[in-house]
Amino acid sequence: MANQLTQCQVAGDVMSAKYDQQINCCPNGPLCNQPAGLSTALRTARITAQHQLGVPNAAGIYWEIKNELPVGWRCEWDDAQQSAHFAVITAIRPGAVTHVDVADPWYGWTNAALDDLRNGSYLPQGAPVDGRWHDTYFINRPNTPPLHLFGRRLLRAAGPRPRRGGR
């Protein structure tokens, strides 16, 4: 079994590079809760991704999940600070209302309507304001084991196979 990096290990590596000294973020180092770009964290974990503005269609998300490729996304919050953070889509259920499962580092596991994420109505339990899907990161992970987050394997696709031309 391949080594699995934890979120705090990646944060430690990112902060260590930023401050040019060894920073331990496991479990909660004082210098670790700071902004950093997802591209920096992915590079630290040796994962490449394609960045795209906006929200892909449901068929594109389904294709990624079906192929065990998580979909990273940047959530912009509707607050005075225009704050944001990153989360991961781990499952999709197409239907009259398409739902996705979200692994959110601040709010845990959430199920949301895809249209709510797209339209700025993402409001996981505990969030003070609504959030909107702003950027997408399609993960490129050839020849690597499945990703795990919070001790769970990330990906599940359910529902009918999408038509071609998803992304």
N, C-alpha and C. Protein backbone atom coordinates (compact mmCIF):
# COMPACT_ATOMS: atom_id res chain seq x y z
N MET A 1 0.85 -1.19 0.00
CA MET A 1 0.00 0.00 0.00
C MET A 1 0.89 1.24 0.00
N ALA A 2 0.53 2.19 -0.81
CA ALA A 2 1.31 3.42 -0.92
C ALA A 2 1.12 4.29 0.32
N ASN A 3 2.11 5.14 0.57
CA ASN A 3 1.98 6.09 1.66
C ASN A 3 0.86 7.08 1.35
N GLN A 4 0.12 7.46 2.38
CA GLN A 4 -0.95 8.44 2.22
C GLN A 4 -0.59 9.66 3.04
N LEU A 5 -0.62 10.83 2.39
CA LEU A 5 -0.39 12.08 3.10
C LEU A 5 -1.67 12.52 3.77
N THR A 6 -1.55 13.07 4.96
CA THR A 6 -2.71 13.65 5.63
C THR A 6 -2.75 15.15 5.32
N GLN A 7 -3.89 15.75 5.58
CA GLN A 7 -4.04 17.18 5.35
C GLN A 7 -3.02 17.97 6.16
N CYS A 8 -2.79 17.57 7.42
CA CYS A 8 -1.84 18.33 8.24
C CYS A 8 -0.40 18.14 7.75
N GLN A 9 -0.08 16.97 7.16
CA GLN A 9 1.26 16.78 6.61
C GLN A 9 1.48 17.69 5.40
N VAL A 10 0.48 17.77 4.52
CA VAL A 10 0.60 18.66 3.36
C VAL A 10 0.71 20.11 3.83
N ALA A 11 -0.13 20.50 4.79
CA ALA A 11 -0.06 21.87 5.32
C ALA A 11 1.32 22.15 5.91
N GLY A 12 1.88 21.19 6.63
CA GLY A 12 3.21 21.36 7.21
C GLY A 12 4.27 21.57 6.15
N ASP A 13 4.18 20.80 5.06
CA ASP A 13 5.15 20.94 3.98
C ASP A 13 5.01 22.31 3.28
N VAL A 14 3.76 22.74 3.06
CA VAL A 14 3.53 24.03 2.42
C VAL A 14 4.05 25.17 3.31
N MET A 15 3.73 25.13 4.59
CA MET A 15 4.17 26.19 5.51
C MET A 15 5.69 26.14 5.73
N SER A 16 6.27 24.94 5.74
CA SER A 16 7.73 24.83 5.88
C SER A 16 8.43 25.51 4.72
N ALA A 17 7.91 25.32 3.51
CA ALA A 17 8.49 25.97 2.33
C ALA A 17 8.30 27.49 2.41
N LYS A 18 7.13 27.93 2.88
CA LYS A 18 6.84 29.36 2.95
C LYS A 18 7.77 30.06 3.94
N TYR A 19 8.03 29.44 5.09
CA TYR A 19 8.83 30.07 6.13
C TYR A 19 10.29 29.61 6.15
N ASP A 20 10.65 28.72 5.22
CA ASP A 20 12.01 28.22 5.12
C ASP A 20 12.51 27.64 6.44
N GLN A 21 11.62 26.92 7.13
CA GLN A 21 11.98 26.19 8.34
C GLN A 21 10.97 25.06 8.52
N GLN A 22 11.32 24.06 9.29
CA GLN A 22 10.42 22.93 9.50
C GLN A 22 9.23 23.34 10.36
N ILE A 23 8.01 23.17 9.84
CA ILE A 23 6.78 23.49 10.56
C ILE A 23 5.98 22.20 10.71
N ASN A 24 5.56 21.90 11.94
CA ASN A 24 4.75 20.72 12.20
C ASN A 24 3.29 21.15 12.36
N CYS A 25 2.45 20.71 11.45
CA CYS A 25 1.03 21.07 11.48
C CYS A 25 0.16 19.95 12.05
N CYS A 26 0.77 18.86 12.48
CA CYS A 26 0.00 17.75 13.03
C CYS A 26 0.10 17.76 14.55
N PRO A 27 -0.98 17.88 15.30
CA PRO A 27 -2.33 17.99 14.76
C PRO A 27 -2.72 19.42 14.38
N ASN A 28 -2.35 20.44 15.16
CA ASN A 28 -2.78 21.80 14.86
C ASN A 28 -1.69 22.80 15.20
N GLY A 29 -0.66 22.87 14.37
CA GLY A 29 0.42 23.82 14.62
C GLY A 29 -0.06 25.25 14.52
N PRO A 30 0.51 26.17 15.31
CA PRO A 30 0.03 27.55 15.35
C PRO A 30 0.23 28.31 14.03
N LEU A 31 1.17 27.90 13.19
CA LEU A 31 1.41 28.61 11.92
C LEU A 31 0.65 28.00 10.75
N CYS A 32 -0.22 27.03 11.01
CA CYS A 32 -0.77 26.23 9.91
C CYS A 32 -2.10 26.69 9.36
N ASN A 33 -2.87 27.42 10.10
CA ASN A 33 -4.17 27.86 9.61
C ASN A 33 -4.01 29.19 8.88
N GLN A 34 -3.42 29.10 7.68
CA GLN A 34 -3.14 30.29 6.88
C GLN A 34 -3.52 30.03 5.43
N PRO A 35 -3.82 31.08 4.70
CA PRO A 35 -4.18 30.89 3.29
C PRO A 35 -3.01 30.35 2.47
N ALA A 36 -3.34 29.48 1.55
CA ALA A 36 -2.40 28.98 0.55
C ALA A 36 -3.23 28.49 -0.62
N GLY A 37 -2.69 28.56 -1.80
CA GLY A 37 -3.42 28.13 -2.98
C GLY A 37 -3.48 26.61 -3.10
N LEU A 38 -4.55 26.11 -3.70
CA LEU A 38 -4.67 24.68 -3.90
C LEU A 38 -3.56 24.16 -4.79
N SER A 39 -3.16 24.94 -5.79
CA SER A 39 -2.08 24.50 -6.68
C SER A 39 -0.81 24.23 -5.89
N THR A 40 -0.51 25.05 -4.89
CA THR A 40 0.67 24.85 -4.05
C THR A 40 0.56 23.55 -3.26
N ALA A 41 -0.59 23.30 -2.67
CA ALA A 41 -0.79 22.07 -1.90
C ALA A 41 -0.72 20.83 -2.80
N LEU A 42 -1.32 20.91 -3.97
CA LEU A 42 -1.27 19.77 -4.90
C LEU A 42 0.16 19.49 -5.35
N ARG A 43 0.90 20.55 -5.66
CA ARG A 43 2.31 20.39 -6.05
C ARG A 43 3.10 19.72 -4.92
N THR A 44 2.84 20.15 -3.67
CA THR A 44 3.51 19.57 -2.52
C THR A 44 3.24 18.08 -2.42
N ALA A 45 2.01 17.67 -2.74
CA ALA A 45 1.62 16.26 -2.68
C ALA A 45 1.96 15.52 -3.97
N ARG A 46 2.64 16.20 -4.89
CA ARG A 46 3.02 15.64 -6.19
C ARG A 46 1.81 15.19 -7.00
N ILE A 47 0.78 16.01 -6.98
CA ILE A 47 -0.43 15.76 -7.76
C ILE A 47 -0.58 16.93 -8.73
N THR A 48 -0.82 16.61 -9.99
CA THR A 48 -1.03 17.67 -10.97
C THR A 48 -2.53 17.81 -11.24
N ALA A 49 -2.93 19.00 -11.65
CA ALA A 49 -4.34 19.26 -11.91
C ALA A 49 -4.48 20.29 -13.01
N GLN A 50 -5.62 20.23 -13.69
CA GLN A 50 -5.97 21.23 -14.68
C GLN A 50 -6.96 22.19 -14.02
N HIS A 51 -6.64 23.46 -14.06
CA HIS A 51 -7.48 24.49 -13.45
C HIS A 51 -8.45 25.04 -14.49
N GLN A 52 -9.69 25.24 -14.07
CA GLN A 52 -10.72 25.79 -14.94
C GLN A 52 -11.61 26.72 -14.13
N LEU A 53 -11.91 27.89 -14.65
CA LEU A 53 -12.87 28.76 -13.99
C LEU A 53 -14.28 28.20 -14.17
N GLY A 54 -15.11 28.36 -13.16
CA GLY A 54 -16.50 27.96 -13.27
C GLY A 54 -16.76 26.51 -12.87
N VAL A 55 -18.00 26.10 -13.10
CA VAL A 55 -18.50 24.78 -12.71
C VAL A 55 -18.67 23.92 -13.95
N PRO A 56 -18.10 22.71 -13.97
CA PRO A 56 -18.34 21.83 -15.11
C PRO A 56 -19.77 21.30 -15.09
N ASN A 57 -20.22 20.75 -16.21
CA ASN A 57 -21.56 20.18 -16.22
C ASN A 57 -21.56 18.84 -15.46
N ALA A 58 -22.75 18.34 -15.16
CA ALA A 58 -22.88 17.11 -14.37
C ALA A 58 -22.22 15.92 -15.04
N ALA A 59 -22.31 15.83 -16.36
CA ALA A 59 -21.69 14.70 -17.07
C ALA A 59 -20.17 14.73 -16.91
N GLY A 60 -19.58 15.92 -16.92
CA GLY A 60 -18.14 16.04 -16.73
C GLY A 60 -17.72 15.62 -15.33
N ILE A 61 -18.48 16.01 -14.33
CA ILE A 61 -18.19 15.61 -12.96
C ILE A 61 -18.34 14.09 -12.82
N TYR A 62 -19.43 13.55 -13.38
CA TYR A 62 -19.67 12.11 -13.32
C TYR A 62 -18.50 11.35 -13.92
N TRP A 63 -18.01 11.79 -15.09
CA TRP A 63 -16.91 11.11 -15.76
C TRP A 63 -15.67 11.08 -14.86
N GLU A 64 -15.35 12.20 -14.23
CA GLU A 64 -14.19 12.27 -13.35
C GLU A 64 -14.33 11.29 -12.18
N ILE A 65 -15.48 11.32 -11.50
CA ILE A 65 -15.71 10.45 -10.35
C ILE A 65 -15.69 8.99 -10.78
N LYS A 66 -16.34 8.65 -11.88
CA LYS A 66 -16.38 7.28 -12.40
C LYS A 66 -14.97 6.77 -12.66
N ASN A 67 -14.08 7.65 -13.06
CA ASN A 67 -12.69 7.27 -13.33
C ASN A 67 -11.78 7.47 -12.12
N GLU A 68 -12.38 7.57 -10.94
CA GLU A 68 -11.67 7.71 -9.67
C GLU A 68 -10.74 8.92 -9.64
N LEU A 69 -11.21 10.02 -10.22
CA LEU A 69 -10.49 11.28 -10.21
C LEU A 69 -11.34 12.29 -9.45
N PRO A 70 -10.94 12.68 -8.25
CA PRO A 70 -11.75 13.63 -7.49
C PRO A 70 -11.79 14.99 -8.18
N VAL A 71 -12.84 15.74 -7.91
CA VAL A 71 -13.00 17.07 -8.49
C VAL A 71 -12.83 18.09 -7.37
N GLY A 72 -11.72 18.83 -7.42
CA GLY A 72 -11.48 19.88 -6.44
C GLY A 72 -12.17 21.16 -6.88
N TRP A 73 -12.67 21.92 -5.90
CA TRP A 73 -13.34 23.17 -6.26
C TRP A 73 -13.09 24.22 -5.19
N ARG A 74 -13.09 25.46 -5.64
CA ARG A 74 -12.87 26.60 -4.76
C ARG A 74 -14.22 27.22 -4.44
N CYS A 75 -14.53 27.29 -3.16
CA CYS A 75 -15.79 27.87 -2.69
C CYS A 75 -15.52 29.29 -2.23
N GLU A 76 -16.19 30.24 -2.87
CA GLU A 76 -16.11 31.64 -2.43
C GLU A 76 -17.32 31.94 -1.56
N TRP A 77 -17.07 32.49 -0.38
CA TRP A 77 -18.13 32.79 0.58
C TRP A 77 -18.68 34.18 0.34
N ASP A 78 -19.97 34.33 0.57
CA ASP A 78 -20.65 35.61 0.40
C ASP A 78 -20.52 36.43 1.69
N ASP A 79 -19.29 36.88 1.97
CA ASP A 79 -19.05 37.67 3.18
C ASP A 79 -18.23 38.91 2.84
N ALA A 80 -18.08 39.80 3.79
CA ALA A 80 -17.38 41.06 3.56
C ALA A 80 -15.91 40.86 3.21
N GLN A 81 -15.30 39.77 3.71
CA GLN A 81 -13.87 39.52 3.45
C GLN A 81 -13.64 38.81 2.12
N GLN A 82 -14.70 38.38 1.45
CA GLN A 82 -14.60 37.60 0.22
C GLN A 82 -13.67 36.40 0.43
N SER A 83 -13.86 35.72 1.56
CA SER A 83 -13.03 34.57 1.88
C SER A 83 -13.39 33.38 1.00
N ALA A 84 -12.50 32.40 0.97
CA ALA A 84 -12.70 31.22 0.15
C ALA A 84 -11.90 30.06 0.73
N HIS A 85 -12.28 28.86 0.35
CA HIS A 85 -11.47 27.68 0.65
C HIS A 85 -11.80 26.59 -0.36
N PHE A 86 -11.08 25.49 -0.28
CA PHE A 86 -11.22 24.41 -1.25
C PHE A 86 -11.89 23.21 -0.62
N ALA A 87 -12.67 22.50 -1.43
CA ALA A 87 -13.32 21.27 -1.02
C ALA A 87 -13.24 20.29 -2.20
N VAL A 88 -13.74 19.07 -2.01
CA VAL A 88 -13.65 18.03 -3.03
C VAL A 88 -15.02 17.40 -3.24
N ILE A 89 -15.38 17.20 -4.50
CA ILE A 89 -16.58 16.44 -4.84
C ILE A 89 -16.18 14.97 -4.85
N THR A 90 -16.91 14.15 -4.08
CA THR A 90 -16.55 12.74 -3.94
C THR A 90 -17.58 11.79 -4.54
N ALA A 91 -18.77 12.27 -4.85
CA ALA A 91 -19.81 11.43 -5.45
C ALA A 91 -20.81 12.33 -6.15
N ILE A 92 -21.49 11.75 -7.13
CA ILE A 92 -22.54 12.49 -7.84
C ILE A 92 -23.70 11.55 -8.10
N ARG A 93 -24.90 12.07 -7.94
CA ARG A 93 -26.11 11.31 -8.20
C ARG A 93 -26.99 12.12 -9.14
N PRO A 94 -26.90 11.81 -10.46
CA PRO A 94 -27.72 12.52 -11.43
C PRO A 94 -29.20 12.20 -11.23
N GLY A 95 -30.04 13.11 -11.61
CA GLY A 95 -31.48 12.92 -11.53
C GLY A 95 -32.16 14.23 -11.87
N ALA A 96 -33.45 14.33 -11.53
CA ALA A 96 -34.17 15.58 -11.75
C ALA A 96 -33.43 16.73 -11.09
N VAL A 97 -32.91 16.49 -9.88
CA VAL A 97 -32.02 17.42 -9.20
C VAL A 97 -30.73 16.65 -8.94
N THR A 98 -29.64 17.06 -9.56
CA THR A 98 -28.37 16.38 -9.39
C THR A 98 -27.75 16.77 -8.06
N HIS A 99 -27.38 15.76 -7.26
CA HIS A 99 -26.74 16.00 -5.97
C HIS A 99 -25.30 15.51 -6.02
N VAL A 100 -24.45 16.17 -5.24
CA VAL A 100 -23.05 15.77 -5.10
C VAL A 100 -22.73 15.65 -3.61
N ASP A 101 -21.78 14.77 -3.30
CA ASP A 101 -21.24 14.70 -1.94
C ASP A 101 -19.99 15.54 -1.91
N VAL A 102 -19.86 16.35 -0.89
CA VAL A 102 -18.75 17.27 -0.74
C VAL A 102 -17.94 16.89 0.49
N ALA A 103 -16.63 16.73 0.33
CA ALA A 103 -15.71 16.59 1.46
C ALA A 103 -15.12 17.97 1.69
N ASP A 104 -15.56 18.61 2.76
CA ASP A 104 -15.21 19.99 3.04
C ASP A 104 -14.31 20.03 4.28
N PRO A 105 -13.11 20.58 4.18
CA PRO A 105 -12.20 20.56 5.32
C PRO A 105 -12.70 21.37 6.52
N TRP A 106 -13.59 22.32 6.30
CA TRP A 106 -14.14 23.10 7.41
C TRP A 106 -15.42 22.50 7.96
N TYR A 107 -16.27 21.96 7.09
CA TYR A 107 -17.61 21.54 7.51
C TYR A 107 -17.88 20.05 7.36
N GLY A 108 -16.87 19.27 7.01
CA GLY A 108 -17.02 17.82 6.93
C GLY A 108 -17.76 17.38 5.68
N TRP A 109 -18.42 16.23 5.79
CA TRP A 109 -19.11 15.62 4.66
C TRP A 109 -20.50 16.23 4.52
N THR A 110 -20.83 16.68 3.33
CA THR A 110 -22.10 17.33 3.05
C THR A 110 -22.66 16.82 1.73
N ASN A 111 -23.98 16.74 1.63
CA ASN A 111 -24.65 16.45 0.38
C ASN A 111 -25.32 17.75 -0.07
N ALA A 112 -25.15 18.12 -1.34
CA ALA A 112 -25.72 19.38 -1.82
C ALA A 112 -26.20 19.22 -3.25
N ALA A 113 -27.20 19.99 -3.61
CA ALA A 113 -27.64 20.05 -5.01
C ALA A 113 -26.56 20.78 -5.81
N LEU A 114 -26.21 20.22 -6.96
CA LEU A 114 -25.18 20.85 -7.81
C LEU A 114 -25.57 22.28 -8.16
N ASP A 115 -26.85 22.52 -8.42
CA ASP A 115 -27.29 23.89 -8.73
C ASP A 115 -27.07 24.85 -7.56
N ASP A 116 -27.17 24.36 -6.31
CA ASP A 116 -26.90 25.22 -5.15
C ASP A 116 -25.44 25.67 -5.13
N LEU A 117 -24.51 24.76 -5.47
CA LEU A 117 -23.10 25.14 -5.52
C LEU A 117 -22.86 26.14 -6.64
N ARG A 118 -23.49 25.90 -7.76
CA ARG A 118 -23.32 26.76 -8.94
C ARG A 118 -23.93 28.15 -8.72
N ASN A 119 -25.07 28.22 -8.03
CA ASN A 119 -25.81 29.47 -7.89
C ASN A 119 -25.51 30.25 -6.61
N GLY A 120 -24.55 29.79 -5.82
CA GLY A 120 -24.20 30.53 -4.61
C GLY A 120 -25.08 30.23 -3.42
N SER A 121 -25.66 29.03 -3.37
CA SER A 121 -26.52 28.65 -2.25
C SER A 121 -25.96 27.48 -1.46
N TYR A 122 -24.65 27.22 -1.55
CA TYR A 122 -24.02 26.15 -0.77
C TYR A 122 -23.93 26.63 0.67
N LEU A 123 -24.61 25.94 1.56
CA LEU A 123 -24.64 26.32 2.97
C LEU A 123 -24.58 25.07 3.84
N PRO A 124 -23.36 24.52 4.02
CA PRO A 124 -23.25 23.35 4.89
C PRO A 124 -23.58 23.73 6.33
N GLN A 125 -23.98 22.73 7.12
CA GLN A 125 -24.31 23.00 8.51
C GLN A 125 -23.13 23.63 9.22
N GLY A 126 -23.37 24.77 9.87
CA GLY A 126 -22.33 25.48 10.60
C GLY A 126 -21.74 26.65 9.84
N ALA A 127 -21.97 26.72 8.53
CA ALA A 127 -21.43 27.83 7.75
C ALA A 127 -22.24 29.09 8.02
N PRO A 128 -21.57 30.23 8.23
CA PRO A 128 -22.30 31.46 8.54
C PRO A 128 -22.97 32.12 7.33
N VAL A 129 -22.45 31.86 6.14
CA VAL A 129 -22.99 32.48 4.92
C VAL A 129 -22.96 31.47 3.78
N ASP A 130 -23.66 31.77 2.70
CA ASP A 130 -23.67 30.91 1.52
C ASP A 130 -22.33 30.97 0.79
N GLY A 131 -22.04 29.89 0.05
CA GLY A 131 -20.84 29.84 -0.77
C GLY A 131 -21.18 29.48 -2.20
N ARG A 132 -20.28 29.84 -3.12
CA ARG A 132 -20.46 29.59 -4.55
C ARG A 132 -19.21 28.90 -5.11
N TRP A 133 -19.45 27.91 -5.98
CA TRP A 133 -18.37 27.22 -6.70
C TRP A 133 -17.79 28.21 -7.69
N HIS A 134 -16.49 28.49 -7.58
CA HIS A 134 -15.86 29.49 -8.45
C HIS A 134 -14.86 28.88 -9.42
N ASP A 135 -13.99 28.02 -8.95
CA ASP A 135 -12.94 27.40 -9.76
C ASP A 135 -13.03 25.88 -9.62
N THR A 136 -12.55 25.18 -10.64
CA THR A 136 -12.53 23.71 -10.63
C THR A 136 -11.10 23.24 -10.86
N TYR A 137 -10.73 22.18 -10.18
CA TYR A 137 -9.42 21.54 -10.36
C TYR A 137 -9.66 20.08 -10.72
N PHE A 138 -9.37 19.72 -11.99
CA PHE A 138 -9.47 18.34 -12.43
C PHE A 138 -8.13 17.67 -12.14
N ILE A 139 -8.16 16.67 -11.30
CA ILE A 139 -6.95 16.03 -10.82
C ILE A 139 -6.43 15.02 -11.84
N ASN A 140 -5.12 15.10 -12.14
CA ASN A 140 -4.44 14.13 -13.01
C ASN A 140 -3.62 13.22 -12.10
N ARG A 141 -3.98 11.96 -12.03
CA ARG A 141 -3.27 11.06 -11.11
C ARG A 141 -2.96 9.72 -11.76
N PRO A 142 -2.17 9.67 -12.81
CA PRO A 142 -1.89 8.38 -13.44
C PRO A 142 -1.05 7.49 -12.52
N ASN A 143 -1.40 6.20 -12.49
CA ASN A 143 -0.63 5.18 -11.76
C ASN A 143 -0.45 5.48 -10.28
N THR A 144 -1.46 6.02 -9.63
CA THR A 144 -1.39 6.24 -8.20
C THR A 144 -2.63 5.64 -7.55
N PRO A 145 -2.56 5.30 -6.26
CA PRO A 145 -3.71 4.69 -5.59
C PRO A 145 -4.82 5.71 -5.36
N PRO A 146 -6.03 5.24 -5.05
CA PRO A 146 -7.14 6.16 -4.78
C PRO A 146 -6.84 7.09 -3.62
N LEU A 147 -7.39 8.30 -3.67
CA LEU A 147 -7.21 9.28 -2.60
C LEU A 147 -8.10 8.95 -1.41
N HIS A 148 -7.64 9.30 -0.22
CA HIS A 148 -8.41 9.16 1.01
C HIS A 148 -8.44 10.51 1.72
N LEU A 149 -9.54 10.83 2.36
CA LEU A 149 -9.67 12.07 3.12
C LEU A 149 -10.49 11.76 4.35
N PHE A 150 -10.07 12.26 5.47
CA PHE A 150 -10.73 12.00 6.75
C PHE A 150 -10.86 10.50 6.98
N GLY A 151 -9.89 9.71 6.51
CA GLY A 151 -9.89 8.27 6.72
C GLY A 151 -10.84 7.50 5.82
N ARG A 152 -11.46 8.14 4.84
CA ARG A 152 -12.38 7.46 3.94
C ARG A 152 -11.90 7.56 2.51
N ARG A 153 -12.12 6.48 1.74
CA ARG A 153 -11.84 6.54 0.31
C ARG A 153 -12.79 7.55 -0.31
N LEU A 154 -12.29 8.36 -1.23
CA LEU A 154 -13.04 9.51 -1.68
C LEU A 154 -14.15 9.29 -2.70
N LEU A 155 -14.08 8.34 -3.55
CA LEU A 155 -14.92 8.43 -4.74
C LEU A 155 -16.01 7.38 -4.84
N ARG A 156 -17.20 7.83 -5.25
CA ARG A 156 -18.34 6.97 -5.54
C ARG A 156 -19.14 7.63 -6.65
N ALA A 157 -19.42 6.88 -7.69
CA ALA A 157 -20.30 7.40 -8.75
C ALA A 157 -21.55 6.53 -8.77
N ALA A 158 -22.69 7.14 -8.85
CA ALA A 158 -23.94 6.41 -8.90
C ALA A 158 -24.81 6.99 -9.99
N GLY A 159 -25.69 6.18 -10.52
CA GLY A 159 -26.62 6.68 -11.51
C GLY A 159 -26.25 6.25 -12.91
N PRO A 160 -26.98 6.70 -13.89
CA PRO A 160 -26.76 6.29 -15.28
C PRO A 160 -25.47 6.85 -15.83
N ARG A 161 -24.94 6.15 -16.82
CA ARG A 161 -23.72 6.62 -17.49
C ARG A 161 -24.04 7.89 -18.28
N PRO A 162 -23.19 8.93 -18.16
CA PRO A 162 -23.48 10.18 -18.88
C PRO A 162 -23.20 10.05 -20.37
N ARG A 163 -23.79 10.94 -21.16
CA ARG A 163 -23.49 10.99 -22.58
C ARG A 163 -22.10 11.57 -22.78
N ARG A 164 -21.52 11.30 -23.93
CA ARG A 164 -20.19 11.84 -24.24
C ARG A 164 -20.21 13.35 -24.30
N GLY A 165 -18.99 13.95 -24.19
CA GLY A 165 -18.87 15.41 -24.29
C GLY A 165 -19.06 16.10 -22.97
N GLY A 166 -18.70 15.40 -21.87
CA GLY A 166 -18.96 15.92 -20.54
C GLY A 166 -18.15 17.12 -20.13
N ARG A 167 -16.91 17.23 -20.48
CA ARG A 167 -16.08 18.31 -19.94
C ARG A 167 -15.80 19.35 -20.94
